[in-house]
Amino acid sequence: MVRGLSAEAMLEAMLEALADRAFWPAATGYISIACWIVVFSPQLWENYKRKSGEGLSIPFLIIWLSGDIFNLVGVVLQDLLFTMLFLAIYYTFADVGLLFQVLYYRRYGVDADYDPIPPDEDDHHPKATTSLLADASSVHPSDTSQPSTSSKKPPTLERPVKTARSAAVYGAYVLAIIITALILLYGFVNILKGDTQPPQPASVLASSHELKLVPQVAGYLSAACYLGSRVPQIYKNWHEKSTEGLSFAMFGFSVLGNVTYCLSIFLDSMEPSYILMNLPWIAGSGGTLVFDFIASMR
């Protein structure tokens, strides 16, 4: 009997949470966080395993990092959603990590005990772990270079190393998915047990939607950096008539991350003043989504 009441109470709590207007922006925000962790994690791990960051452009990363910093400043000063703040912090740390990897590996090169993996026919196609940030040279760099001495090794020596490396990369990918699942679970539990804030007077809501000059400027600068960083990739794809190196799994997570990011804003409030306050971040995320679709087209 107690178990029945407990299950009934749990179901009632879940239904109340689903009916609560505050549930949906929080839920979509946590989904967006999960998607972006899946997008960035394979690139960080792949750079570490390859001991190389040649597939990433330093100017591109600097532009992205500038956008991250402006984004973080704007979100903090404008006092936006918690999930937007979490993502702004994560973006900044992830891009700092990518930039550090690129600079470090270009300065110190490949470790002496690192055995590069000779590409085969399967390596000419993007895998589920290929990042959106990687270009064609990072997928099969041998196309533009001479065969290395390691390619002369017997196949029996190459295959175990390749298998071990593939297992490690996919292991990191699975770990990223597990982490995102834990984040979603944490967010869902917090939403269920969190107390709903009482309705606020219109005057308080109006003041909370007040536009502030510095964070708005920072937000628009962030959007400009994010959108501007896509232009070279679009031109490259158009010039080469190719989207080789693009992982459509990562592309899907990127699309879902941007869509849920925008939804978390719209579901929180559709008040014109609130939309106007969040417009730089909507433009940065939604505009990036449009540019990514253009970049993925042949």
C-alpha atoms as a PDB file:
ATOM      1  CA  MET A   1       0.000   0.000   0.000  1.00  0.00           C
ATOM      2  CA  VAL A   2       2.838   2.350   0.927  1.00  0.00           C
ATOM      3  CA  ARG A   3       4.605   1.552  -2.314  1.00  0.00           C
ATOM      4  CA  GLY A   4       1.439   2.380  -4.236  1.00  0.00           C
ATOM      5  CA  LEU A   5       1.116   5.730  -2.484  1.00  0.00           C
ATOM      6  CA  SER A   6       4.783   6.455  -3.096  1.00  0.00           C
ATOM      7  CA  ALA A   7       4.465   5.724  -6.804  1.00  0.00           C
ATOM      8  CA  GLU A   8       1.303   7.810  -6.981  1.00  0.00           C
ATOM      9  CA  ALA A   9       2.992  10.702  -5.201  1.00  0.00           C
ATOM     10  CA  MET A  10       5.964  10.473  -7.550  1.00  0.00           C
ATOM     11  CA  LEU A  11       3.705  10.464 -10.594  1.00  0.00           C
ATOM     12  CA  GLU A  12       1.812  13.458  -9.236  1.00  0.00           C
ATOM     13  CA  ALA A  13       5.075  15.329  -8.690  1.00  0.00           C
ATOM     14  CA  MET A  14       6.167  14.567 -12.244  1.00  0.00           C
ATOM     15  CA  LEU A  15       2.851  15.733 -13.688  1.00  0.00           C
ATOM     16  CA  GLU A  16       3.026  18.921 -11.635  1.00  0.00           C
ATOM     17  CA  ALA A  17       6.550  19.531 -12.891  1.00  0.00           C
ATOM     18  CA  LEU A  18       5.484  18.970 -16.499  1.00  0.00           C
ATOM     19  CA  ALA A  19       2.604  21.391 -16.021  1.00  0.00           C
ATOM     20  CA  ASP A  20       4.894  23.994 -14.467  1.00  0.00           C
ATOM     21  CA  ARG A  21       5.958  26.648 -16.978  1.00  0.00           C
ATOM     22  CA  ALA A  22       9.417  26.754 -15.389  1.00  0.00           C
ATOM     23  CA  PHE A  23      10.049  23.078 -16.218  1.00  0.00           C
ATOM     24  CA  TRP A  24      10.368  23.369 -19.975  1.00  0.00           C
ATOM     25  CA  PRO A  25      12.983  26.147 -20.280  1.00  0.00           C
ATOM     26  CA  ALA A  26      15.091  24.361 -17.656  1.00  0.00           C
ATOM     27  CA  ALA A  27      14.694  20.968 -19.371  1.00  0.00           C
ATOM     28  CA  THR A  28      15.584  22.287 -22.838  1.00  0.00           C
ATOM     29  CA  GLY A  29      18.502  24.188 -21.327  1.00  0.00           C
ATOM     30  CA  TYR A  30      19.936  21.020 -19.777  1.00  0.00           C
ATOM     31  CA  ILE A  31      19.455  19.143 -23.060  1.00  0.00           C
ATOM     32  CA  SER A  32      21.414  21.893 -24.814  1.00  0.00           C
ATOM     33  CA  ILE A  33      24.234  21.541 -22.269  1.00  0.00           C
ATOM     34  CA  ALA A  34      24.317  17.777 -22.836  1.00  0.00           C
ATOM     35  CA  CYS A  35      24.482  18.185 -26.619  1.00  0.00           C
ATOM     36  CA  TRP A  36      27.399  20.600 -26.502  1.00  0.00           C
ATOM     37  CA  ILE A  37      29.391  18.356 -24.175  1.00  0.00           C
ATOM     38  CA  VAL A  38      28.978  15.556 -26.726  1.00  0.00           C
ATOM     39  CA  VAL A  39      30.075  17.898 -29.543  1.00  0.00           C
ATOM     40  CA  PHE A  40      33.246  19.220 -27.900  1.00  0.00           C
ATOM     41  CA  SER A  41      34.526  16.180 -25.983  1.00  0.00           C
ATOM     42  CA  PRO A  42      35.565  14.016 -28.995  1.00  0.00           C
ATOM     43  CA  GLN A  43      37.627  16.881 -30.468  1.00  0.00           C
ATOM     44  CA  LEU A  44      39.536  17.394 -27.201  1.00  0.00           C
ATOM     45  CA  TRP A  45      40.184  13.664 -26.904  1.00  0.00           C
ATOM     46  CA  GLU A  46      41.106  13.257 -30.570  1.00  0.00           C
ATOM     47  CA  ASN A  47      43.709  16.038 -30.324  1.00  0.00           C
ATOM     48  CA  TYR A  48      45.169  14.376 -27.241  1.00  0.00           C
ATOM     49  CA  LYS A  49      45.387  10.955 -28.885  1.00  0.00           C
ATOM     50  CA  ARG A  50      46.865  12.304 -32.124  1.00  0.00           C
ATOM     51  CA  LYS A  51      49.182  14.675 -30.245  1.00  0.00           C
ATOM     52  CA  SER A  52      48.264  17.183 -32.928  1.00  0.00           C
ATOM     53  CA  GLY A  53      46.031  20.185 -33.447  1.00  0.00           C
ATOM     54  CA  GLU A  54      46.786  20.750 -37.128  1.00  0.00           C
ATOM     55  CA  GLY A  55      43.157  20.225 -38.084  1.00  0.00           C
ATOM     56  CA  LEU A  56      42.152  23.390 -36.219  1.00  0.00           C
ATOM     57  CA  SER A  57      42.798  26.983 -37.247  1.00  0.00           C
ATOM     58  CA  ILE A  58      44.259  29.260 -34.551  1.00  0.00           C
ATOM     59  CA  PRO A  59      42.486  32.399 -35.888  1.00  0.00           C
ATOM     60  CA  PHE A  60      39.218  30.430 -35.912  1.00  0.00           C
ATOM     61  CA  LEU A  61      39.722  29.385 -32.269  1.00  0.00           C
ATOM     62  CA  ILE A  62      40.701  32.924 -31.224  1.00  0.00           C
ATOM     63  CA  ILE A  63      37.532  34.314 -32.805  1.00  0.00           C
ATOM     64  CA  TRP A  64      35.472  31.632 -31.058  1.00  0.00           C
ATOM     65  CA  LEU A  65      37.171  32.284 -27.713  1.00  0.00           C
ATOM     66  CA  SER A  66      36.521  36.016 -28.103  1.00  0.00           C
ATOM     67  CA  GLY A  67      32.877  35.188 -28.727  1.00  0.00           C
ATOM     68  CA  ASP A  68      32.852  32.981 -25.619  1.00  0.00           C
ATOM     69  CA  ILE A  69      34.276  35.765 -23.438  1.00  0.00           C
ATOM     70  CA  PHE A  70      31.799  38.339 -24.733  1.00  0.00           C
ATOM     71  CA  ASN A  71      29.037  35.753 -24.277  1.00  0.00           C
ATOM     72  CA  LEU A  72      30.019  35.081 -20.654  1.00  0.00           C
ATOM     73  CA  VAL A  73      30.279  38.783 -19.809  1.00  0.00           C
ATOM     74  CA  GLY A  74      26.881  39.490 -21.353  1.00  0.00           C
ATOM     75  CA  VAL A  75      25.117  36.565 -19.661  1.00  0.00           C
ATOM     76  CA  VAL A  76      26.517  37.486 -16.227  1.00  0.00           C
ATOM     77  CA  LEU A  77      25.796  41.214 -16.445  1.00  0.00           C
ATOM     78  CA  GLN A  78      22.328  40.753 -17.973  1.00  0.00           C
ATOM     79  CA  ASP A  79      21.486  38.060 -15.365  1.00  0.00           C
ATOM     80  CA  LEU A  80      20.096  35.537 -17.856  1.00  0.00           C
ATOM     81  CA  LEU A  81      19.052  31.880 -17.393  1.00  0.00           C
ATOM     82  CA  PHE A  82      21.271  29.596 -15.293  1.00  0.00           C
ATOM     83  CA  THR A  83      21.638  27.112 -18.156  1.00  0.00           C
ATOM     84  CA  MET A  84      22.856  29.939 -20.409  1.00  0.00           C
ATOM     85  CA  LEU A  85      25.454  30.842 -17.762  1.00  0.00           C
ATOM     86  CA  PHE A  86      26.541  27.199 -17.443  1.00  0.00           C
ATOM     87  CA  LEU A  87      26.964  26.908 -21.209  1.00  0.00           C
ATOM     88  CA  ALA A  88      28.865  30.204 -21.418  1.00  0.00           C
ATOM     89  CA  ILE A  89      31.350  28.938 -18.815  1.00  0.00           C
ATOM     90  CA  TYR A  90      31.633  25.543 -20.525  1.00  0.00           C
ATOM     91  CA  TYR A  91      32.183  27.128 -23.967  1.00  0.00           C
ATOM     92  CA  THR A  92      35.005  29.256 -22.559  1.00  0.00           C
ATOM     93  CA  PHE A  93      36.812  26.382 -20.839  1.00  0.00           C
ATOM     94  CA  ALA A  94      36.367  24.063 -23.845  1.00  0.00           C
ATOM     95  CA  ASP A  95      37.809  26.587 -26.300  1.00  0.00           C
ATOM     96  CA  VAL A  96      40.667  27.463 -23.934  1.00  0.00           C
ATOM     97  CA  GLY A  97      41.432  23.735 -23.804  1.00  0.00           C
ATOM     98  CA  LEU A  98      41.342  23.425 -27.606  1.00  0.00           C
ATOM     99  CA  LEU A  99      43.551  26.500 -28.068  1.00  0.00           C
ATOM    100  CA  PHE A 100      46.033  25.227 -25.468  1.00  0.00           C
ATOM    101  CA  GLN A 101      46.198  21.843 -27.211  1.00  0.00           C
ATOM    102  CA  VAL A 102      46.849  23.409 -30.611  1.00  0.00           C
ATOM    103  CA  LEU A 103      49.580  25.735 -29.317  1.00  0.00           C
ATOM    104  CA  TYR A 104      51.198  23.019 -27.202  1.00  0.00           C
ATOM    105  CA  TYR A 105      51.337  20.345 -29.895  1.00  0.00           C
ATOM    106  CA  ARG A 106      52.519  22.792 -32.551  1.00  0.00           C
ATOM    107  CA  ARG A 107      55.322  23.944 -30.249  1.00  0.00           C
ATOM    108  CA  TYR A 108      56.473  20.591 -28.888  1.00  0.00           C
ATOM    109  CA  GLY A 109      55.321  18.331 -31.713  1.00  0.00           C
ATOM    110  CA  VAL A 110      54.469  14.640 -31.504  1.00  0.00           C
ATOM    111  CA  ASP A 111      55.891  12.642 -28.628  1.00  0.00           C
ATOM    112  CA  ALA A 112      58.698  10.283 -29.541  1.00  0.00           C
ATOM    113  CA  ASP A 113      56.772   7.263 -28.304  1.00  0.00           C
ATOM    114  CA  TYR A 114      53.618   8.152 -30.224  1.00  0.00           C
ATOM    115  CA  ASP A 115      52.933   5.829 -33.152  1.00  0.00           C
ATOM    116  CA  PRO A 116      50.786   7.581 -35.782  1.00  0.00           C
ATOM    117  CA  ILE A 117      48.141   5.428 -37.372  1.00  0.00           C
ATOM    118  CA  PRO A 118      48.416   4.926 -41.138  1.00  0.00           C
ATOM    119  CA  PRO A 119      45.108   5.753 -42.795  1.00  0.00           C
ATOM    120  CA  ASP A 120      43.207   3.198 -44.806  1.00  0.00           C
ATOM    121  CA  GLU A 121      40.141   3.431 -46.975  1.00  0.00           C
ATOM    122  CA  ASP A 122      37.829   3.650 -43.967  1.00  0.00           C
ATOM    123  CA  ASP A 123      39.652   6.741 -42.683  1.00  0.00           C
ATOM    124  CA  HIS A 124      38.542   8.738 -45.730  1.00  0.00           C
ATOM    125  CA  HIS A 125      35.046   9.004 -44.309  1.00  0.00           C
ATOM    126  CA  PRO A 126      34.031  10.975 -41.211  1.00  0.00           C
ATOM    127  CA  LYS A 127      33.162   8.830 -38.223  1.00  0.00           C
ATOM    128  CA  ALA A 128      30.766   9.418 -35.365  1.00  0.00           C
ATOM    129  CA  THR A 129      33.656  10.820 -33.335  1.00  0.00           C
ATOM    130  CA  THR A 130      34.836  13.306 -35.974  1.00  0.00           C
ATOM    131  CA  SER A 131      34.298  16.801 -34.652  1.00  0.00           C
ATOM    132  CA  LEU A 132      32.520  19.591 -36.472  1.00  0.00           C
ATOM    133  CA  LEU A 133      35.639  21.689 -35.909  1.00  0.00           C
ATOM    134  CA  ALA A 134      37.885  19.308 -37.835  1.00  0.00           C
ATOM    135  CA  ASP A 135      38.617  19.894 -41.498  1.00  0.00           C
ATOM    136  CA  ALA A 136      39.509  17.413 -44.209  1.00  0.00           C
ATOM    137  CA  SER A 137      43.214  17.487 -43.344  1.00  0.00           C
ATOM    138  CA  SER A 138      42.502  16.249 -39.855  1.00  0.00           C
ATOM    139  CA  VAL A 139      40.455  13.340 -41.191  1.00  0.00           C
ATOM    140  CA  HIS A 140      43.060  12.022 -43.623  1.00  0.00           C
ATOM    141  CA  PRO A 141      46.228  14.147 -43.514  1.00  0.00           C
ATOM    142  CA  SER A 142      48.109  11.686 -45.703  1.00  0.00           C
ATOM    143  CA  ASP A 143      46.407  13.106 -48.791  1.00  0.00           C
ATOM    144  CA  THR A 144      48.696  16.155 -48.657  1.00  0.00           C
ATOM    145  CA  SER A 145      51.864  14.553 -47.335  1.00  0.00           C
ATOM    146  CA  GLN A 146      54.309  11.835 -48.260  1.00  0.00           C
ATOM    147  CA  PRO A 147      53.793   8.370 -46.783  1.00  0.00           C
ATOM    148  CA  SER A 148      55.521   8.042 -43.439  1.00  0.00           C
ATOM    149  CA  THR A 149      57.952   5.308 -42.563  1.00  0.00           C
ATOM    150  CA  SER A 150      55.335   3.821 -40.274  1.00  0.00           C
ATOM    151  CA  SER A 151      53.238   2.998 -43.340  1.00  0.00           C
ATOM    152  CA  LYS A 152      55.880   0.466 -44.341  1.00  0.00           C
ATOM    153  CA  LYS A 153      55.192  -1.678 -41.298  1.00  0.00           C
ATOM    154  CA  PRO A 154      53.532  -5.023 -41.865  1.00  0.00           C
ATOM    155  CA  PRO A 155      49.731  -4.877 -41.528  1.00  0.00           C
ATOM    156  CA  THR A 156      49.935  -7.245 -38.571  1.00  0.00           C
ATOM    157  CA  LEU A 157      51.777  -4.563 -36.589  1.00  0.00           C
ATOM    158  CA  GLU A 158      49.545  -1.681 -37.660  1.00  0.00           C
ATOM    159  CA  ARG A 159      46.161  -3.221 -36.903  1.00  0.00           C
ATOM    160  CA  PRO A 160      46.523  -3.689 -33.097  1.00  0.00           C
ATOM    161  CA  VAL A 161      47.606  -0.054 -32.681  1.00  0.00           C
ATOM    162  CA  LYS A 162      44.730   1.165 -34.842  1.00  0.00           C
ATOM    163  CA  THR A 163      42.240  -1.025 -32.988  1.00  0.00           C
ATOM    164  CA  ALA A 164      43.463   0.188 -29.604  1.00  0.00           C
ATOM    165  CA  ARG A 165      43.255   3.803 -30.699  1.00  0.00           C
ATOM    166  CA  SER A 166      39.745   3.391 -32.132  1.00  0.00           C
ATOM    167  CA  ALA A 167      38.626   1.727 -28.906  1.00  0.00           C
ATOM    168  CA  ALA A 168      40.052   4.618 -26.879  1.00  0.00           C
ATOM    169  CA  VAL A 169      38.313   7.249 -29.012  1.00  0.00           C
ATOM    170  CA  TYR A 170      34.961   5.483 -28.865  1.00  0.00           C
ATOM    171  CA  GLY A 171      35.486   4.960 -25.139  1.00  0.00           C
ATOM    172  CA  ALA A 172      35.846   8.720 -24.725  1.00  0.00           C
ATOM    173  CA  TYR A 173      32.721   9.220 -26.829  1.00  0.00           C
ATOM    174  CA  VAL A 174      30.748   6.824 -24.613  1.00  0.00           C
ATOM    175  CA  LEU A 175      32.089   8.578 -21.509  1.00  0.00           C
ATOM    176  CA  ALA A 176      30.878  11.927 -22.877  1.00  0.00           C
ATOM    177  CA  ILE A 177      27.400  10.458 -23.404  1.00  0.00           C
ATOM    178  CA  ILE A 178      27.388   9.062 -19.848  1.00  0.00           C
ATOM    179  CA  ILE A 179      28.360  12.469 -18.461  1.00  0.00           C
ATOM    180  CA  THR A 180      25.579  14.149 -20.436  1.00  0.00           C
ATOM    181  CA  ALA A 181      23.081  11.582 -19.143  1.00  0.00           C
ATOM    182  CA  LEU A 182      24.144  12.348 -15.566  1.00  0.00           C
ATOM    183  CA  ILE A 183      23.755  16.081 -16.216  1.00  0.00           C
ATOM    184  CA  LEU A 184      20.259  15.525 -17.592  1.00  0.00           C
ATOM    185  CA  LEU A 185      19.383  13.364 -14.579  1.00  0.00           C
ATOM    186  CA  TYR A 186      20.758  15.985 -12.193  1.00  0.00           C
ATOM    187  CA  GLY A 187      18.791  18.723 -13.908  1.00  0.00           C
ATOM    188  CA  PHE A 188      15.579  16.671 -13.949  1.00  0.00           C
ATOM    189  CA  VAL A 189      15.858  15.851 -10.224  1.00  0.00           C
ATOM    190  CA  ASN A 190      16.515  19.507  -9.406  1.00  0.00           C
ATOM    191  CA  ILE A 191      13.485  20.546 -11.420  1.00  0.00           C
ATOM    192  CA  LEU A 192      11.269  17.977  -9.669  1.00  0.00           C
ATOM    193  CA  LYS A 193      12.299  18.897  -6.135  1.00  0.00           C
ATOM    194  CA  GLY A 194      12.779  22.611  -6.727  1.00  0.00           C
ATOM    195  CA  ASP A 195      10.259  25.049  -5.306  1.00  0.00           C
ATOM    196  CA  THR A 196       8.429  27.125  -7.864  1.00  0.00           C
ATOM    197  CA  GLN A 197       8.976  30.826  -7.352  1.00  0.00           C
ATOM    198  CA  PRO A 198       5.818  32.811  -6.536  1.00  0.00           C
ATOM    199  CA  PRO A 199       4.424  35.040  -9.263  1.00  0.00           C
ATOM    200  CA  GLN A 200       6.202  38.386  -9.367  1.00  0.00           C
ATOM    201  CA  PRO A 201       4.523  41.772  -9.764  1.00  0.00           C
ATOM    202  CA  ALA A 202       4.561  43.307 -13.218  1.00  0.00           C
ATOM    203  CA  SER A 203       6.891  46.067 -12.004  1.00  0.00           C
ATOM    204  CA  VAL A 204       9.474  43.493 -10.873  1.00  0.00           C
ATOM    205  CA  LEU A 205       9.224  41.601 -14.160  1.00  0.00           C
ATOM    206  CA  ALA A 206       9.623  44.818 -16.113  1.00  0.00           C
ATOM    207  CA  SER A 207      12.778  45.744 -14.192  1.00  0.00           C
ATOM    208  CA  SER A 208      14.209  42.232 -14.663  1.00  0.00           C
ATOM    209  CA  HIS A 209      13.725  42.599 -18.439  1.00  0.00           C
ATOM    210  CA  GLU A 210      15.489  45.944 -18.532  1.00  0.00           C
ATOM    211  CA  LEU A 211      18.053  46.300 -21.302  1.00  0.00           C
ATOM    212  CA  LYS A 212      21.574  47.070 -20.095  1.00  0.00           C
ATOM    213  CA  LEU A 213      24.051  48.665 -22.461  1.00  0.00           C
ATOM    214  CA  VAL A 214      27.270  46.793 -21.607  1.00  0.00           C
ATOM    215  CA  PRO A 215      25.832  43.236 -21.608  1.00  0.00           C
ATOM    216  CA  GLN A 216      23.836  43.935 -24.769  1.00  0.00           C
ATOM    217  CA  VAL A 217      26.944  45.196 -26.571  1.00  0.00           C
ATOM    218  CA  ALA A 218      28.849  42.141 -25.311  1.00  0.00           C
ATOM    219  CA  GLY A 219      26.041  39.881 -26.520  1.00  0.00           C
ATOM    220  CA  TYR A 220      26.018  41.351 -30.022  1.00  0.00           C
ATOM    221  CA  LEU A 221      29.833  41.204 -30.221  1.00  0.00           C
ATOM    222  CA  SER A 222      29.608  37.538 -29.208  1.00  0.00           C
ATOM    223  CA  ALA A 223      27.035  36.841 -31.928  1.00  0.00           C
ATOM    224  CA  ALA A 224      29.224  38.621 -34.489  1.00  0.00           C
ATOM    225  CA  CYS A 225      32.231  36.480 -33.512  1.00  0.00           C
ATOM    226  CA  TYR A 226      30.255  33.231 -33.699  1.00  0.00           C
ATOM    227  CA  LEU A 227      28.713  34.073 -37.061  1.00  0.00           C
ATOM    228  CA  GLY A 228      31.932  35.525 -38.482  1.00  0.00           C
ATOM    229  CA  SER A 229      33.866  32.383 -37.611  1.00  0.00           C
ATOM    230  CA  ARG A 230      31.609  30.373 -39.932  1.00  0.00           C
ATOM    231  CA  VAL A 231      32.314  32.444 -43.043  1.00  0.00           C
ATOM    232  CA  PRO A 232      35.785  30.957 -43.804  1.00  0.00           C
ATOM    233  CA  GLN A 233      34.437  27.395 -43.493  1.00  0.00           C
ATOM    234  CA  ILE A 234      31.488  28.157 -45.789  1.00  0.00           C
ATOM    235  CA  TYR A 235      33.861  29.690 -48.351  1.00  0.00           C
ATOM    236  CA  LYS A 236      36.212  26.699 -48.075  1.00  0.00           C
ATOM    237  CA  ASN A 237      33.373  24.219 -48.655  1.00  0.00           C
ATOM    238  CA  TRP A 238      32.067  26.266 -51.580  1.00  0.00           C
ATOM    239  CA  HIS A 239      35.511  26.661 -53.139  1.00  0.00           C
ATOM    240  CA  GLU A 240      36.402  22.965 -52.781  1.00  0.00           C
ATOM    241  CA  LYS A 241      32.848  21.810 -53.597  1.00  0.00           C
ATOM    242  CA  SER A 242      33.135  19.406 -50.680  1.00  0.00           C
ATOM    243  CA  THR A 243      31.992  18.882 -47.088  1.00  0.00           C
ATOM    244  CA  GLU A 244      34.487  16.091 -46.478  1.00  0.00           C
ATOM    245  CA  GLY A 245      35.463  15.800 -42.834  1.00  0.00           C
ATOM    246  CA  LEU A 246      32.058  16.742 -41.481  1.00  0.00           C
ATOM    247  CA  SER A 247      30.574  14.275 -39.026  1.00  0.00           C
ATOM    248  CA  PHE A 248      26.819  14.246 -39.406  1.00  0.00           C
ATOM    249  CA  ALA A 249      26.481  12.772 -35.910  1.00  0.00           C
ATOM    250  CA  MET A 250      28.275  15.804 -34.477  1.00  0.00           C
ATOM    251  CA  PHE A 251      26.303  18.044 -36.836  1.00  0.00           C
ATOM    252  CA  GLY A 252      23.078  16.579 -35.445  1.00  0.00           C
ATOM    253  CA  PHE A 253      24.134  17.230 -31.842  1.00  0.00           C
ATOM    254  CA  SER A 254      25.156  20.778 -32.798  1.00  0.00           C
ATOM    255  CA  VAL A 255      21.763  21.421 -34.401  1.00  0.00           C
ATOM    256  CA  LEU A 256      19.901  19.980 -31.407  1.00  0.00           C
ATOM    257  CA  GLY A 257      22.083  22.000 -29.028  1.00  0.00           C
ATOM    258  CA  ASN A 258      21.317  25.265 -30.835  1.00  0.00           C
ATOM    259  CA  VAL A 259      17.605  24.498 -31.196  1.00  0.00           C
ATOM    260  CA  THR A 260      17.140  23.616 -27.513  1.00  0.00           C
ATOM    261  CA  TYR A 261      19.213  26.668 -26.516  1.00  0.00           C
ATOM    262  CA  CYS A 262      16.801  28.958 -28.367  1.00  0.00           C
ATOM    263  CA  LEU A 263      13.785  27.005 -27.084  1.00  0.00           C
ATOM    264  CA  SER A 264      14.945  27.466 -23.482  1.00  0.00           C
ATOM    265  CA  ILE A 265      14.675  31.229 -24.036  1.00  0.00           C
ATOM    266  CA  PHE A 266      11.332  31.217 -25.855  1.00  0.00           C
ATOM    267  CA  LEU A 267       9.742  28.801 -23.367  1.00  0.00           C
ATOM    268  CA  ASP A 268      10.825  30.939 -20.438  1.00  0.00           C
ATOM    269  CA  SER A 269       8.898  33.959 -21.675  1.00  0.00           C
ATOM    270  CA  MET A 270       7.481  35.364 -24.896  1.00  0.00           C
ATOM    271  CA  GLU A 271       7.244  38.892 -23.551  1.00  0.00           C
ATOM    272  CA  PRO A 272       8.599  41.299 -26.202  1.00  0.00           C
ATOM    273  CA  SER A 273      10.887  42.947 -23.646  1.00  0.00           C
ATOM    274  CA  TYR A 274      12.315  39.554 -22.646  1.00  0.00           C
ATOM    275  CA  ILE A 275      12.865  38.474 -26.267  1.00  0.00           C
ATOM    276  CA  LEU A 276      14.547  41.809 -27.011  1.00  0.00           C
ATOM    277  CA  MET A 277      16.816  41.371 -23.978  1.00  0.00           C
ATOM    278  CA  ASN A 278      17.856  37.901 -25.213  1.00  0.00           C
ATOM    279  CA  LEU A 279      18.004  38.838 -28.897  1.00  0.00           C
ATOM    280  CA  PRO A 280      21.837  38.825 -29.160  1.00  0.00           C
ATOM    281  CA  TRP A 281      21.966  35.252 -27.851  1.00  0.00           C
ATOM    282  CA  ILE A 282      19.072  34.141 -30.055  1.00  0.00           C
ATOM    283  CA  ALA A 283      20.859  35.661 -33.060  1.00  0.00           C
ATOM    284  CA  GLY A 284      24.165  34.034 -32.120  1.00  0.00           C
ATOM    285  CA  SER A 285      22.681  30.564 -31.659  1.00  0.00           C
ATOM    286  CA  GLY A 286      19.993  30.681 -34.353  1.00  0.00           C
ATOM    287  CA  GLY A 287      22.273  32.375 -36.864  1.00  0.00           C
ATOM    288  CA  THR A 288      24.997  29.803 -36.232  1.00  0.00           C
ATOM    289  CA  LEU A 289      22.404  27.095 -36.866  1.00  0.00           C
ATOM    290  CA  VAL A 290      21.593  28.576 -40.288  1.00  0.00           C
ATOM    291  CA  PHE A 291      25.289  28.959 -41.146  1.00  0.00           C
ATOM    292  CA  ASP A 292      25.998  25.350 -40.136  1.00  0.00           C
ATOM    293  CA  PHE A 293      23.299  24.122 -42.516  1.00  0.00           C
ATOM    294  CA  ILE A 294      24.853  26.208 -45.297  1.00  0.00           C
ATOM    295  CA  ALA A 295      28.340  24.886 -44.454  1.00  0.00           C
ATOM    296  CA  SER A 296      27.096  21.292 -44.606  1.00  0.00           C
ATOM    297  CA  MET A 297      25.687  21.683 -48.123  1.00  0.00           C
ATOM    298  CA  ARG A 298      27.831  20.736 -51.097  1.00  0.00           C
END
